Amino acid sequence: MKKINWKLFHSALWIEIVLSYFLPFKVTDNFQYQVGFPISFLSVYDTKPAVNPFLSMHLNPLGLLLNVFIIYMILLACGKACQKYFRG
């Protein structure tokens, strides 16, 4: 089993966080907004203005890690394909 490339894993984490800001939110039931690509990992509920925003959020850490793993695998495959292409 190979070691994890931590720089690539760190890059995948940052790509996931940046993508969650730029991709549109998914609206379900007209009061829940879901964030994350390809699997939603953050749900924000539409509540009254007096409610603390952190109390109206739900974070799914397993979904976040799964998204980071998917992006890591894509970056790893692209890196290997580029190495094969440029080395001959």
C-alpha atoms as a PDB file:
ATOM      1  CA  MET A   1       0.000   0.000   0.000  1.00  0.00           C
ATOM      2  CA  LYS A   2       1.359   3.393  -0.990  1.00  0.00           C
ATOM      3  CA  LYS A   3       1.701   6.352   1.325  1.00  0.00           C
ATOM      4  CA  ILE A   4      -0.721   9.246   1.085  1.00  0.00           C
ATOM      5  CA  ASN A   5       0.591  12.281  -0.741  1.00  0.00           C
ATOM      6  CA  TRP A   6      -0.289  14.868   1.925  1.00  0.00           C
ATOM      7  CA  LYS A   7       0.332  17.877  -0.338  1.00  0.00           C
ATOM      8  CA  LEU A   8      -2.133  16.487  -2.850  1.00  0.00           C
ATOM      9  CA  PHE A   9      -4.610  15.626  -0.092  1.00  0.00           C
ATOM     10  CA  HIS A  10      -4.295  19.154   1.311  1.00  0.00           C
ATOM     11  CA  SER A  11      -4.892  20.554  -2.188  1.00  0.00           C
ATOM     12  CA  ALA A  12      -7.987  18.362  -2.569  1.00  0.00           C
ATOM     13  CA  LEU A  13      -9.345  19.700   0.724  1.00  0.00           C
ATOM     14  CA  TRP A  14      -8.874  23.296  -0.358  1.00  0.00           C
ATOM     15  CA  ILE A  15     -10.396  22.597  -3.779  1.00  0.00           C
ATOM     16  CA  GLU A  16     -13.488  21.162  -2.053  1.00  0.00           C
ATOM     17  CA  ILE A  17     -13.826  24.196   0.208  1.00  0.00           C
ATOM     18  CA  VAL A  18     -13.406  26.648  -2.680  1.00  0.00           C
ATOM     19  CA  LEU A  19     -15.849  24.700  -4.871  1.00  0.00           C
ATOM     20  CA  SER A  20     -18.461  24.858  -2.139  1.00  0.00           C
ATOM     21  CA  TYR A  21     -18.368  28.665  -2.319  1.00  0.00           C
ATOM     22  CA  PHE A  22     -18.510  28.953  -6.106  1.00  0.00           C
ATOM     23  CA  LEU A  23     -20.972  26.216  -7.044  1.00  0.00           C
ATOM     24  CA  PRO A  24     -24.661  26.979  -6.572  1.00  0.00           C
ATOM     25  CA  PHE A  25     -26.479  25.712  -3.515  1.00  0.00           C
ATOM     26  CA  LYS A  26     -29.044  22.959  -3.839  1.00  0.00           C
ATOM     27  CA  VAL A  27     -32.422  24.003  -2.390  1.00  0.00           C
ATOM     28  CA  THR A  28     -34.627  21.272  -0.914  1.00  0.00           C
ATOM     29  CA  ASP A  29     -38.060  21.744   0.652  1.00  0.00           C
ATOM     30  CA  ASN A  30     -37.797  25.559   0.225  1.00  0.00           C
ATOM     31  CA  PHE A  31     -36.075  25.932   3.605  1.00  0.00           C
ATOM     32  CA  GLN A  32     -32.924  23.835   3.408  1.00  0.00           C
ATOM     33  CA  TYR A  33     -29.821  24.771   1.403  1.00  0.00           C
ATOM     34  CA  GLN A  34     -27.213  22.080   0.777  1.00  0.00           C
ATOM     35  CA  VAL A  35     -23.574  22.771  -0.026  1.00  0.00           C
ATOM     36  CA  GLY A  36     -20.934  20.417  -1.412  1.00  0.00           C
ATOM     37  CA  PHE A  37     -19.731  18.752  -4.567  1.00  0.00           C
ATOM     38  CA  PRO A  38     -20.343  15.919  -5.534  1.00  0.00           C
ATOM     39  CA  ILE A  39     -21.970  14.957  -2.204  1.00  0.00           C
ATOM     40  CA  SER A  40     -23.515  17.607   0.031  1.00  0.00           C
ATOM     41  CA  PHE A  41     -21.749  17.951   3.368  1.00  0.00           C
ATOM     42  CA  LEU A  42     -23.287  21.127   4.806  1.00  0.00           C
ATOM     43  CA  SER A  43     -26.970  21.870   5.286  1.00  0.00           C
ATOM     44  CA  VAL A  44     -28.169  25.349   6.209  1.00  0.00           C
ATOM     45  CA  TYR A  45     -31.762  25.785   7.338  1.00  0.00           C
ATOM     46  CA  ASP A  46     -33.747  28.952   6.695  1.00  0.00           C
ATOM     47  CA  THR A  47     -34.806  30.228  10.127  1.00  0.00           C
ATOM     48  CA  LYS A  48     -35.933  33.403  11.838  1.00  0.00           C
ATOM     49  CA  PRO A  49     -33.431  36.283  11.887  1.00  0.00           C
ATOM     50  CA  ALA A  50     -33.065  36.099  15.685  1.00  0.00           C
ATOM     51  CA  VAL A  51     -31.657  32.537  15.606  1.00  0.00           C
ATOM     52  CA  ASN A  52     -27.903  32.025  15.721  1.00  0.00           C
ATOM     53  CA  PRO A  53     -26.701  30.894  12.238  1.00  0.00           C
ATOM     54  CA  PHE A  54     -24.531  28.146  13.744  1.00  0.00           C
ATOM     55  CA  LEU A  55     -27.625  26.573  15.312  1.00  0.00           C
ATOM     56  CA  SER A  56     -29.274  26.327  11.904  1.00  0.00           C
ATOM     57  CA  MET A  57     -26.420  24.386  10.263  1.00  0.00           C
ATOM     58  CA  HIS A  58     -25.665  20.699  10.015  1.00  0.00           C
ATOM     59  CA  LEU A  59     -22.177  19.509   9.040  1.00  0.00           C
ATOM     60  CA  ASN A  60     -21.697  15.988   7.711  1.00  0.00           C
ATOM     61  CA  PRO A  61     -17.973  15.273   8.228  1.00  0.00           C
ATOM     62  CA  LEU A  62     -18.180  11.892   6.502  1.00  0.00           C
ATOM     63  CA  GLY A  63     -19.562  13.570   3.367  1.00  0.00           C
ATOM     64  CA  LEU A  64     -16.758  16.131   3.481  1.00  0.00           C
ATOM     65  CA  LEU A  65     -14.072  13.449   3.783  1.00  0.00           C
ATOM     66  CA  LEU A  66     -15.655  11.431   0.995  1.00  0.00           C
ATOM     67  CA  ASN A  67     -15.658  14.490  -1.275  1.00  0.00           C
ATOM     68  CA  VAL A  68     -11.999  15.188  -0.456  1.00  0.00           C
ATOM     69  CA  PHE A  69     -11.129  11.539  -1.164  1.00  0.00           C
ATOM     70  CA  ILE A  70     -12.914  11.670  -4.552  1.00  0.00           C
ATOM     71  CA  ILE A  71     -11.097  14.866  -5.541  1.00  0.00           C
ATOM     72  CA  TYR A  72      -7.799  13.377  -4.268  1.00  0.00           C
ATOM     73  CA  MET A  73      -8.256  10.313  -6.476  1.00  0.00           C
ATOM     74  CA  ILE A  74      -9.080  12.506  -9.496  1.00  0.00           C
ATOM     75  CA  LEU A  75      -5.978  14.642  -8.914  1.00  0.00           C
ATOM     76  CA  LEU A  76      -3.844  11.523  -8.449  1.00  0.00           C
ATOM     77  CA  ALA A  77      -5.126  10.017 -11.714  1.00  0.00           C
ATOM     78  CA  CYS A  78      -4.562  13.289 -13.589  1.00  0.00           C
ATOM     79  CA  GLY A  79      -1.022  13.523 -12.222  1.00  0.00           C
ATOM     80  CA  LYS A  80      -0.194   9.989 -13.331  1.00  0.00           C
ATOM     81  CA  ALA A  81      -1.718  10.600 -16.775  1.00  0.00           C
ATOM     82  CA  CYS A  82       0.346  13.765 -17.199  1.00  0.00           C
ATOM     83  CA  GLN A  83       3.515  11.941 -16.173  1.00  0.00           C
ATOM     84  CA  LYS A  84       2.886   9.208 -18.756  1.00  0.00           C
ATOM     85  CA  TYR A  85       2.055  11.757 -21.474  1.00  0.00           C
ATOM     86  CA  PHE A  86       5.061  14.002 -20.935  1.00  0.00           C
ATOM     87  CA  ARG A  87       7.621  11.235 -20.318  1.00  0.00           C
ATOM     88  CA  GLY A  88       6.763   9.445 -23.477  1.00  0.00           C
END
